[in-house]
PDB file of all heavy atoms in Angstrom:
ATOM      1  N   ALA A   1      -0.652 -19.154 -24.033  1.00  0.00           N
ATOM      2  CA  ALA A   1      -0.986 -20.363 -23.193  1.00  0.00           C
ATOM      3  C   ALA A   1      -0.323 -20.322 -21.865  1.00  0.00           C
ATOM      4  O   ALA A   1      -0.920 -20.706 -20.790  1.00  0.00           O
ATOM      5  CB  ALA A   1      -0.610 -21.588 -23.938  1.00  0.00           C
ATOM      6  N   ALA A   2       0.858 -19.798 -21.806  1.00  0.00           N
ATOM      7  CA  ALA A   2       1.616 -19.657 -20.478  1.00  0.00           C
ATOM      8  C   ALA A   2       0.920 -18.739 -19.574  1.00  0.00           C
ATOM      9  O   ALA A   2       0.681 -18.949 -18.395  1.00  0.00           O
ATOM     10  CB  ALA A   2       3.025 -19.217 -20.724  1.00  0.00           C
ATOM     11  N   LEU A   3       0.532 -17.556 -20.131  1.00  0.00           N
ATOM     12  CA  LEU A   3      -0.175 -16.554 -19.314  1.00  0.00           C
ATOM     13  C   LEU A   3      -1.500 -16.759 -18.979  1.00  0.00           C
ATOM     14  O   LEU A   3      -2.219 -15.975 -18.250  1.00  0.00           O
ATOM     15  CB  LEU A   3      -0.004 -15.133 -19.907  1.00  0.00           C
ATOM     16  CG  LEU A   3       1.457 -14.745 -20.165  1.00  0.00           C
ATOM     17  CD1 LEU A   3       1.555 -13.426 -20.916  1.00  0.00           C
ATOM     18  CD2 LEU A   3       2.229 -14.677 -18.896  1.00  0.00           C
ATOM     19  N   GLY A   4      -2.190 -17.899 -19.566  1.00  0.00           N
ATOM     20  CA  GLY A   4      -3.491 -18.177 -19.270  1.00  0.00           C
ATOM     21  C   GLY A   4      -3.755 -19.613 -18.665  1.00  0.00           C
ATOM     22  O   GLY A   4      -4.819 -20.062 -18.528  1.00  0.00           O
ATOM     23  N   LYS A   5      -2.617 -20.218 -18.201  1.00  0.00           N
ATOM     24  CA  LYS A   5      -2.754 -21.568 -17.650  1.00  0.00           C
ATOM     25  C   LYS A   5      -3.669 -21.543 -16.441  1.00  0.00           C
ATOM     26  O   LYS A   5      -3.500 -20.699 -15.407  1.00  0.00           O
ATOM     27  CB  LYS A   5      -1.376 -22.194 -17.415  1.00  0.00           C
ATOM     28  CG  LYS A   5      -0.629 -21.627 -16.316  1.00  0.00           C
ATOM     29  CD  LYS A   5       0.803 -22.185 -16.126  1.00  0.00           C
ATOM     30  CE  LYS A   5       0.787 -23.591 -15.611  1.00  0.00           C
ATOM     31  NZ  LYS A   5       0.735 -23.744 -14.193  1.00  0.00           N
ATOM     32  N   PRO A   6      -4.639 -22.453 -16.358  1.00  0.00           N
ATOM     33  CA  PRO A   6      -5.602 -22.528 -15.222  1.00  0.00           C
ATOM     34  C   PRO A   6      -5.056 -23.385 -14.070  1.00  0.00           C
ATOM     35  O   PRO A   6      -5.733 -23.434 -13.076  1.00  0.00           O
ATOM     36  CB  PRO A   6      -6.784 -23.087 -15.815  1.00  0.00           C
ATOM     37  CG  PRO A   6      -6.371 -24.003 -16.908  1.00  0.00           C
ATOM     38  CD  PRO A   6      -5.020 -23.351 -17.492  1.00  0.00           C
ATOM     39  N   GLY A   7      -4.038 -24.107 -14.247  1.00  0.00           N
ATOM     40  CA  GLY A   7      -3.486 -25.024 -13.298  1.00  0.00           C
ATOM     41  C   GLY A   7      -2.461 -24.346 -12.382  1.00  0.00           C
ATOM     42  O   GLY A   7      -2.271 -23.141 -12.475  1.00  0.00           O
ATOM     43  N   SER A   8      -1.931 -25.097 -11.472  1.00  0.00           N
ATOM     44  CA  SER A   8      -1.042 -24.509 -10.547  1.00  0.00           C
ATOM     45  C   SER A   8       0.388 -24.566 -11.164  1.00  0.00           C
ATOM     46  O   SER A   8       0.798 -25.497 -11.782  1.00  0.00           O
ATOM     47  CB  SER A   8      -1.021 -25.316  -9.200  1.00  0.00           C
ATOM     48  OG  SER A   8      -2.337 -25.342  -8.651  1.00  0.00           O
ATOM     49  N   ASN A   9       1.129 -23.411 -10.987  1.00  0.00           N
ATOM     50  CA  ASN A   9       0.807 -22.237 -10.305  1.00  0.00           C
ATOM     51  C   ASN A   9       0.104 -21.282 -11.261  1.00  0.00           C
ATOM     52  O   ASN A   9       0.321 -21.249 -12.477  1.00  0.00           O
ATOM     53  CB  ASN A   9       2.084 -21.524  -9.812  1.00  0.00           C
ATOM     54  CG  ASN A   9       2.887 -22.293  -8.947  1.00  0.00           C
ATOM     55  OD1 ASN A   9       3.787 -23.045  -9.365  1.00  0.00           O
ATOM     56  ND2 ASN A   9       2.760 -22.214  -7.544  1.00  0.00           N
ATOM     57  N   VAL A  10      -0.942 -20.541 -10.785  1.00  0.00           N
ATOM     58  CA  VAL A  10      -1.716 -19.631 -11.638  1.00  0.00           C
ATOM     59  C   VAL A  10      -1.090 -18.330 -11.877  1.00  0.00           C
ATOM     60  O   VAL A  10      -0.627 -17.677 -10.861  1.00  0.00           O
ATOM     61  CB  VAL A  10      -3.191 -19.426 -10.977  1.00  0.00           C
ATOM     62  CG1 VAL A  10      -4.080 -18.761 -11.945  1.00  0.00           C
ATOM     63  CG2 VAL A  10      -3.775 -20.809 -10.525  1.00  0.00           C
ATOM     64  N   PRO A  11      -0.984 -17.874 -13.055  1.00  0.00           N
ATOM     65  CA  PRO A  11      -0.381 -16.545 -13.373  1.00  0.00           C
ATOM     66  C   PRO A  11      -1.288 -15.348 -13.014  1.00  0.00           C
ATOM     67  O   PRO A  11      -1.641 -14.710 -13.988  1.00  0.00           O
ATOM     68  CB  PRO A  11      -0.023 -16.652 -14.762  1.00  0.00           C
ATOM     69  CG  PRO A  11      -1.064 -17.647 -15.399  1.00  0.00           C
ATOM     70  CD  PRO A  11      -1.294 -18.551 -14.331  1.00  0.00           C
ATOM     71  N   VAL A  12      -1.680 -15.158 -11.828  1.00  0.00           N
ATOM     72  CA  VAL A  12      -2.647 -14.125 -11.400  1.00  0.00           C
ATOM     73  C   VAL A  12      -1.946 -12.856 -11.504  1.00  0.00           C
ATOM     74  O   VAL A  12      -0.782 -12.687 -11.386  1.00  0.00           O
ATOM     75  CB  VAL A  12      -3.187 -14.454 -10.004  1.00  0.00           C
ATOM     76  CG1 VAL A  12      -3.934 -15.755  -9.994  1.00  0.00           C
ATOM     77  CG2 VAL A  12      -2.062 -14.400  -8.961  1.00  0.00           C
ATOM     78  N   ILE A  13      -2.842 -11.854 -11.664  1.00  0.00           N
ATOM     79  CA  ILE A  13      -2.332 -10.413 -11.669  1.00  0.00           C
ATOM     80  C   ILE A  13      -2.727  -9.824 -10.381  1.00  0.00           C
ATOM     81  O   ILE A  13      -3.973  -9.777 -10.026  1.00  0.00           O
ATOM     82  CB  ILE A  13      -2.951  -9.726 -12.916  1.00  0.00           C
ATOM     83  CG1 ILE A  13      -2.453 -10.348 -14.174  1.00  0.00           C
ATOM     84  CG2 ILE A  13      -2.457  -8.206 -12.842  1.00  0.00           C
ATOM     85  CD1 ILE A  13      -1.052 -10.494 -14.387  1.00  0.00           C
ATOM     86  N   MET A  14      -1.777  -9.286  -9.758  1.00  0.00           N
ATOM     87  CA  MET A  14      -2.019  -8.600  -8.459  1.00  0.00           C
ATOM     88  C   MET A  14      -1.183  -7.189  -8.399  1.00  0.00           C
ATOM     89  O   MET A  14      -0.555  -6.997  -9.386  1.00  0.00           O
ATOM     90  CB  MET A  14      -1.480  -9.364  -7.200  1.00  0.00           C
ATOM     91  CG  MET A  14      -0.090  -9.808  -7.259  1.00  0.00           C
ATOM     92  SD  MET A  14       0.442 -10.854  -5.857  1.00  0.00           S
ATOM     93  CE  MET A  14      -0.531 -12.332  -6.005  1.00  0.00           C
ATOM     94  N   PRO A  15      -1.629  -6.325  -7.537  1.00  0.00           N
ATOM     95  CA  PRO A  15      -0.949  -4.994  -7.552  1.00  0.00           C
ATOM     96  C   PRO A  15       0.596  -5.076  -7.484  1.00  0.00           C
ATOM     97  O   PRO A  15       1.072  -6.039  -6.818  1.00  0.00           O
ATOM     98  CB  PRO A  15      -1.481  -4.211  -6.382  1.00  0.00           C
ATOM     99  CG  PRO A  15      -2.765  -4.924  -6.093  1.00  0.00           C
ATOM    100  CD  PRO A  15      -2.619  -6.387  -6.526  1.00  0.00           C
ATOM    101  N   GLU A  16       1.274  -4.211  -8.134  1.00  0.00           N
ATOM    102  CA  GLU A  16       2.773  -4.234  -8.076  1.00  0.00           C
ATOM    103  C   GLU A  16       3.299  -4.252  -6.669  1.00  0.00           C
ATOM    104  O   GLU A  16       4.262  -4.994  -6.414  1.00  0.00           O
ATOM    105  CB  GLU A  16       3.334  -3.011  -8.806  1.00  0.00           C
ATOM    106  CG  GLU A  16       4.819  -3.008  -8.931  1.00  0.00           C
ATOM    107  CD  GLU A  16       5.366  -1.746  -9.651  1.00  0.00           C
ATOM    108  OE1 GLU A  16       4.631  -0.666  -9.523  1.00  0.00           O
ATOM    109  OE2 GLU A  16       6.420  -1.771 -10.248  1.00  0.00           O
ATOM    110  N   ARG A  17       2.717  -3.627  -5.764  1.00  0.00           N
ATOM    111  CA  ARG A  17       3.200  -3.529  -4.345  1.00  0.00           C
ATOM    112  C   ARG A  17       3.154  -4.926  -3.741  1.00  0.00           C
ATOM    113  O   ARG A  17       4.002  -5.220  -2.866  1.00  0.00           O
ATOM    114  CB  ARG A  17       2.420  -2.512  -3.500  1.00  0.00           C
ATOM    115  CG  ARG A  17       0.844  -2.937  -3.382  1.00  0.00           C
ATOM    116  CD  ARG A  17       0.088  -1.845  -2.577  1.00  0.00           C
ATOM    117  NE  ARG A  17      -1.258  -2.210  -2.500  1.00  0.00           N
ATOM    118  CZ  ARG A  17      -1.775  -2.988  -1.523  1.00  0.00           C
ATOM    119  NH1 ARG A  17      -0.991  -3.563  -0.648  1.00  0.00           N
ATOM    120  NH2 ARG A  17      -3.120  -3.188  -1.520  1.00  0.00           N
ATOM    121  N   LEU A  18       2.233  -5.850  -4.140  1.00  0.00           N
ATOM    122  CA  LEU A  18       2.181  -7.197  -3.655  1.00  0.00           C
ATOM    123  C   LEU A  18       3.036  -8.113  -4.485  1.00  0.00           C
ATOM    124  O   LEU A  18       3.733  -8.953  -3.954  1.00  0.00           O
ATOM    125  CB  LEU A  18       0.690  -7.660  -3.600  1.00  0.00           C
ATOM    126  CG  LEU A  18      -0.176  -6.899  -2.688  1.00  0.00           C
ATOM    127  CD1 LEU A  18      -1.605  -7.441  -2.793  1.00  0.00           C
ATOM    128  CD2 LEU A  18       0.283  -6.882  -1.226  1.00  0.00           C
ATOM    129  N   ALA A  19       2.956  -7.852  -5.815  1.00  0.00           N
ATOM    130  CA  ALA A  19       3.713  -8.729  -6.697  1.00  0.00           C
ATOM    131  C   ALA A  19       5.244  -8.561  -6.618  1.00  0.00           C
ATOM    132  O   ALA A  19       6.054  -9.345  -6.964  1.00  0.00           O
ATOM    133  CB  ALA A  19       3.342  -8.458  -8.178  1.00  0.00           C
ATOM    134  N   SER A  20       5.631  -7.452  -5.931  1.00  0.00           N
ATOM    135  CA  SER A  20       7.112  -7.245  -5.653  1.00  0.00           C
ATOM    136  C   SER A  20       7.576  -8.081  -4.524  1.00  0.00           C
ATOM    137  O   SER A  20       8.803  -8.165  -4.323  1.00  0.00           O
ATOM    138  CB  SER A  20       7.416  -5.746  -5.339  1.00  0.00           C
ATOM    139  OG  SER A  20       6.937  -4.939  -6.359  1.00  0.00           O
ATOM    140  N   THR A  21       6.750  -8.781  -3.819  1.00  0.00           N
ATOM    141  CA  THR A  21       7.044  -9.737  -2.749  1.00  0.00           C
ATOM    142  C   THR A  21       7.884 -10.840  -3.373  1.00  0.00           C
ATOM    143  O   THR A  21       7.539 -11.408  -4.519  1.00  0.00           O
ATOM    144  CB  THR A  21       5.827 -10.297  -2.061  1.00  0.00           C
ATOM    145  OG1 THR A  21       5.053  -9.199  -1.572  1.00  0.00           O
ATOM    146  CG2 THR A  21       6.172 -11.206  -0.888  1.00  0.00           C
ATOM    147  N   ASP A  22       8.915 -11.273  -2.761  1.00  0.00           N
ATOM    148  CA  ASP A  22       9.688 -12.472  -3.213  1.00  0.00           C
ATOM    149  C   ASP A  22       8.829 -13.661  -3.463  1.00  0.00           C
ATOM    150  O   ASP A  22       7.878 -13.950  -2.601  1.00  0.00           O
ATOM    151  CB  ASP A  22      10.810 -12.803  -2.179  1.00  0.00           C
ATOM    152  CG  ASP A  22      11.706 -13.942  -2.694  1.00  0.00           C
ATOM    153  OD1 ASP A  22      12.590 -13.698  -3.575  1.00  0.00           O
ATOM    154  OD2 ASP A  22      11.413 -15.086  -2.275  1.00  0.00           O
ATOM    155  N   ALA A  23       9.061 -14.344  -4.536  1.00  0.00           N
ATOM    156  CA  ALA A  23       8.221 -15.567  -4.897  1.00  0.00           C
ATOM    157  C   ALA A  23       8.250 -16.619  -3.877  1.00  0.00           C
ATOM    158  O   ALA A  23       7.372 -17.419  -3.813  1.00  0.00           O
ATOM    159  CB  ALA A  23       8.656 -16.043  -6.244  1.00  0.00           C
ATOM    160  N   TYR A  24       9.246 -16.660  -2.993  1.00  0.00           N
ATOM    161  CA  TYR A  24       9.342 -17.686  -1.980  1.00  0.00           C
ATOM    162  C   TYR A  24       8.918 -17.130  -0.594  1.00  0.00           C
ATOM    163  O   TYR A  24       9.075 -17.793   0.463  1.00  0.00           O
ATOM    164  CB  TYR A  24      10.772 -18.199  -1.888  1.00  0.00           C
ATOM    165  CG  TYR A  24      11.104 -19.063  -3.138  1.00  0.00           C
ATOM    166  CD1 TYR A  24      11.578 -18.415  -4.217  1.00  0.00           C
ATOM    167  CD2 TYR A  24      10.812 -20.377  -3.157  1.00  0.00           C
ATOM    168  CE1 TYR A  24      11.877 -19.157  -5.408  1.00  0.00           C
ATOM    169  CE2 TYR A  24      11.075 -21.137  -4.289  1.00  0.00           C
ATOM    170  CZ  TYR A  24      11.644 -20.470  -5.446  1.00  0.00           C
ATOM    171  OH  TYR A  24      11.893 -21.206  -6.641  1.00  0.00           O
ATOM    172  N   THR A  25       8.258 -16.031  -0.628  1.00  0.00           N
ATOM    173  CA  THR A  25       7.607 -15.369   0.601  1.00  0.00           C
ATOM    174  C   THR A  25       6.118 -15.307   0.272  1.00  0.00           C
ATOM    175  O   THR A  25       5.732 -14.815  -0.723  1.00  0.00           O
ATOM    176  CB  THR A  25       8.142 -14.062   0.940  1.00  0.00           C
ATOM    177  OG1 THR A  25       9.599 -14.170   1.188  1.00  0.00           O
ATOM    178  CG2 THR A  25       7.500 -13.473   2.169  1.00  0.00           C
ATOM    179  N   GLN A  26       5.253 -15.685   1.287  1.00  0.00           N
ATOM    180  CA  GLN A  26       3.765 -15.678   1.000  1.00  0.00           C
ATOM    181  C   GLN A  26       3.326 -14.299   0.984  1.00  0.00           C
ATOM    182  O   GLN A  26       3.629 -13.411   1.836  1.00  0.00           O
ATOM    183  CB  GLN A  26       3.037 -16.492   2.108  1.00  0.00           C
ATOM    184  CG  GLN A  26       3.319 -17.980   2.061  1.00  0.00           C
ATOM    185  CD  GLN A  26       2.433 -18.692   3.044  1.00  0.00           C
ATOM    186  OE1 GLN A  26       1.225 -18.409   3.232  1.00  0.00           O
ATOM    187  NE2 GLN A  26       2.977 -19.597   3.747  1.00  0.00           N
ATOM    188  N   VAL A  27       2.437 -13.983   0.033  1.00  0.00           N
ATOM    189  CA  VAL A  27       1.628 -12.742   0.029  1.00  0.00           C
ATOM    190  C   VAL A  27       0.372 -13.076   0.929  1.00  0.00           C
ATOM    191  O   VAL A  27      -0.323 -14.008   0.629  1.00  0.00           O
ATOM    192  CB  VAL A  27       1.215 -12.370  -1.398  1.00  0.00           C
ATOM    193  CG1 VAL A  27       0.122 -11.209  -1.300  1.00  0.00           C
ATOM    194  CG2 VAL A  27       2.373 -11.824  -2.152  1.00  0.00           C
ATOM    195  N   LYS A  28       0.138 -12.281   1.861  1.00  0.00           N
ATOM    196  CA  LYS A  28      -0.991 -12.475   2.777  1.00  0.00           C
ATOM    197  C   LYS A  28      -2.202 -11.655   2.552  1.00  0.00           C
ATOM    198  O   LYS A  28      -3.316 -12.025   2.818  1.00  0.00           O
ATOM    199  CB  LYS A  28      -0.497 -12.242   4.293  1.00  0.00           C
ATOM    200  CG  LYS A  28       0.582 -13.122   4.735  1.00  0.00           C
ATOM    201  CD  LYS A  28       0.225 -14.632   4.792  1.00  0.00           C
ATOM    202  CE  LYS A  28       1.375 -15.485   5.344  1.00  0.00           C
ATOM    203  NZ  LYS A  28       1.613 -15.296   6.741  1.00  0.00           N
ATOM    204  N   GLU A  29      -1.895 -10.466   1.896  1.00  0.00           N
ATOM    205  CA  GLU A  29      -3.014  -9.557   1.612  1.00  0.00           C
ATOM    206  C   GLU A  29      -3.606  -9.966   0.203  1.00  0.00           C
ATOM    207  O   GLU A  29      -2.833  -9.983  -0.725  1.00  0.00           O
ATOM    208  CB  GLU A  29      -2.557  -8.071   1.488  1.00  0.00           C
ATOM    209  CG  GLU A  29      -3.698  -7.150   1.253  1.00  0.00           C
ATOM    210  CD  GLU A  29      -3.125  -5.623   1.214  1.00  0.00           C
ATOM    211  OE1 GLU A  29      -1.931  -5.458   1.432  1.00  0.00           O
ATOM    212  OE2 GLU A  29      -3.935  -4.772   0.922  1.00  0.00           O
ATOM    213  N   MET A  30      -4.899 -10.286   0.121  1.00  0.00           N
ATOM    214  CA  MET A  30      -5.427 -10.750  -1.088  1.00  0.00           C
ATOM    215  C   MET A  30      -6.215  -9.679  -1.803  1.00  0.00           C
ATOM    216  O   MET A  30      -7.336  -9.306  -1.531  1.00  0.00           O
ATOM    217  CB  MET A  30      -6.431 -11.934  -0.762  1.00  0.00           C
ATOM    218  CG  MET A  30      -5.753 -13.243  -0.257  1.00  0.00           C
ATOM    219  SD  MET A  30      -4.848 -14.023  -1.572  1.00  0.00           S
ATOM    220  CE  MET A  30      -3.196 -13.624  -1.043  1.00  0.00           C
ATOM    221  N   VAL A  31      -5.539  -8.942  -2.710  1.00  0.00           N
ATOM    222  CA  VAL A  31      -6.158  -7.934  -3.544  1.00  0.00           C
ATOM    223  C   VAL A  31      -5.948  -8.333  -5.004  1.00  0.00           C
ATOM    224  O   VAL A  31      -4.836  -8.357  -5.488  1.00  0.00           O
ATOM    225  CB  VAL A  31      -5.425  -6.528  -3.259  1.00  0.00           C
ATOM    226  CG1 VAL A  31      -5.980  -5.487  -4.193  1.00  0.00           C
ATOM    227  CG2 VAL A  31      -5.620  -6.193  -1.757  1.00  0.00           C
ATOM    228  N   GLY A  32      -7.040  -8.567  -5.709  1.00  0.00           N
ATOM    229  CA  GLY A  32      -6.993  -8.891  -7.070  1.00  0.00           C
ATOM    230  C   GLY A  32      -7.874  -8.051  -7.836  1.00  0.00           C
ATOM    231  O   GLY A  32      -8.307  -6.968  -7.346  1.00  0.00           O
ATOM    232  N   SER A  33      -8.134  -8.354  -9.121  1.00  0.00           N
ATOM    233  CA  SER A  33      -9.135  -7.611  -9.963  1.00  0.00           C
ATOM    234  C   SER A  33     -10.230  -8.562 -10.467  1.00  0.00           C
ATOM    235  O   SER A  33     -10.842  -8.260 -11.471  1.00  0.00           O
ATOM    236  CB  SER A  33      -8.398  -6.958 -11.056  1.00  0.00           C
ATOM    237  OG  SER A  33      -7.810  -7.995 -11.911  1.00  0.00           O
ATOM    238  N   GLY A  34     -10.303  -9.679  -9.836  1.00  0.00           N
ATOM    239  CA  GLY A  34     -11.323 -10.665 -10.238  1.00  0.00           C
ATOM    240  C   GLY A  34     -12.798 -10.345  -9.849  1.00  0.00           C
ATOM    241  O   GLY A  34     -12.973  -9.350  -9.183  1.00  0.00           O
ATOM    242  N   PRO A  35     -13.693 -11.330 -10.109  1.00  0.00           N
ATOM    243  CA  PRO A  35     -15.065 -10.994  -9.876  1.00  0.00           C
ATOM    244  C   PRO A  35     -15.535 -10.915  -8.379  1.00  0.00           C
ATOM    245  O   PRO A  35     -16.605 -10.429  -8.126  1.00  0.00           O
ATOM    246  CB  PRO A  35     -15.828 -12.065 -10.615  1.00  0.00           C
ATOM    247  CG  PRO A  35     -14.771 -13.164 -10.781  1.00  0.00           C
ATOM    248  CD  PRO A  35     -13.425 -12.543 -10.785  1.00  0.00           C
ATOM    249  N   PHE A  36     -14.636 -11.440  -7.525  1.00  0.00           N
ATOM    250  CA  PHE A  36     -15.107 -11.424  -6.081  1.00  0.00           C
ATOM    251  C   PHE A  36     -13.964 -10.899  -5.225  1.00  0.00           C
ATOM    252  O   PHE A  36     -12.807 -11.233  -5.537  1.00  0.00           O
ATOM    253  CB  PHE A  36     -15.433 -12.935  -5.636  1.00  0.00           C
ATOM    254  CG  PHE A  36     -16.674 -13.427  -6.210  1.00  0.00           C
ATOM    255  CD1 PHE A  36     -16.791 -14.123  -7.460  1.00  0.00           C
ATOM    256  CD2 PHE A  36     -17.923 -13.212  -5.548  1.00  0.00           C
ATOM    257  CE1 PHE A  36     -17.919 -14.586  -7.955  1.00  0.00           C
ATOM    258  CE2 PHE A  36     -19.118 -13.672  -6.053  1.00  0.00           C
ATOM    259  CZ  PHE A  36     -19.092 -14.416  -7.249  1.00  0.00           C
ATOM    260  N   ARG A  37     -14.320 -10.289  -4.083  1.00  0.00           N
ATOM    261  CA  ARG A  37     -13.360  -9.726  -3.203  1.00  0.00           C
ATOM    262  C   ARG A  37     -13.268 -10.760  -2.020  1.00  0.00           C
ATOM    263  O   ARG A  37     -14.262 -11.309  -1.578  1.00  0.00           O
ATOM    264  CB  ARG A  37     -13.772  -8.472  -2.602  1.00  0.00           C
ATOM    265  CG  ARG A  37     -13.852  -7.279  -3.541  1.00  0.00           C
ATOM    266  CD  ARG A  37     -14.262  -5.992  -2.906  1.00  0.00           C
ATOM    267  NE  ARG A  37     -15.552  -6.010  -2.330  1.00  0.00           N
ATOM    268  CZ  ARG A  37     -15.907  -6.135  -1.176  1.00  0.00           C
ATOM    269  NH1 ARG A  37     -15.040  -6.206  -0.138  1.00  0.00           N
ATOM    270  NH2 ARG A  37     -17.246  -6.129  -0.699  1.00  0.00           N
ATOM    271  N   PHE A  38     -12.036 -11.053  -1.596  1.00  0.00           N
ATOM    272  CA  PHE A  38     -11.791 -11.876  -0.324  1.00  0.00           C
ATOM    273  C   PHE A  38     -12.132 -11.097   0.850  1.00  0.00           C
ATOM    274  O   PHE A  38     -11.624 -10.002   1.013  1.00  0.00           O
ATOM    275  CB  PHE A  38     -10.470 -12.393  -0.374  1.00  0.00           C
ATOM    276  CG  PHE A  38     -10.094 -13.221   0.821  1.00  0.00           C
ATOM    277  CD1 PHE A  38     -10.736 -14.541   1.018  1.00  0.00           C
ATOM    278  CD2 PHE A  38      -9.134 -12.864   1.734  1.00  0.00           C
ATOM    279  CE1 PHE A  38     -10.440 -15.253   2.143  1.00  0.00           C
ATOM    280  CE2 PHE A  38      -8.852 -13.670   2.872  1.00  0.00           C
ATOM    281  CZ  PHE A  38      -9.577 -14.897   3.025  1.00  0.00           C
ATOM    282  N   LEU A  39     -12.967 -11.680   1.787  1.00  0.00           N
ATOM    283  CA  LEU A  39     -13.348 -10.927   2.986  1.00  0.00           C
ATOM    284  C   LEU A  39     -12.462 -11.485   4.075  1.00  0.00           C
ATOM    285  O   LEU A  39     -12.752 -12.370   4.865  1.00  0.00           O
ATOM    286  CB  LEU A  39     -14.827 -11.202   3.314  1.00  0.00           C
ATOM    287  CG  LEU A  39     -15.735 -10.722   2.153  1.00  0.00           C
ATOM    288  CD1 LEU A  39     -17.221 -11.062   2.519  1.00  0.00           C
ATOM    289  CD2 LEU A  39     -15.659  -9.315   1.897  1.00  0.00           C
ATOM    290  N   ALA A  40     -11.312 -10.858   4.282  1.00  0.00           N
ATOM    291  CA  ALA A  40     -10.284 -11.279   5.102  1.00  0.00           C
ATOM    292  C   ALA A  40     -10.886 -11.230   6.672  1.00  0.00           C
ATOM    293  O   ALA A  40     -10.474 -12.020   7.444  1.00  0.00           O
ATOM    294  CB  ALA A  40      -9.065 -10.410   5.119  1.00  0.00           C
ATOM    295  N   GLY A  41     -11.738 -10.287   6.947  1.00  0.00           N
ATOM    296  CA  GLY A  41     -12.291 -10.221   8.295  1.00  0.00           C
ATOM    297  C   GLY A  41     -13.175 -11.258   8.691  1.00  0.00           C
ATOM    298  O   GLY A  41     -13.427 -11.546   9.878  1.00  0.00           O
TER     299      GLY A  41
END
């Protein structure tokens, strides 16, 4: 239930290189494994 909570904060899975960012620093590059890609451009 913890790893599937749909509310905030969401336990999303991102690449280790991004997940290694301190939790109190924003990740700006949106790379996930979900059904849609974010079009940053």
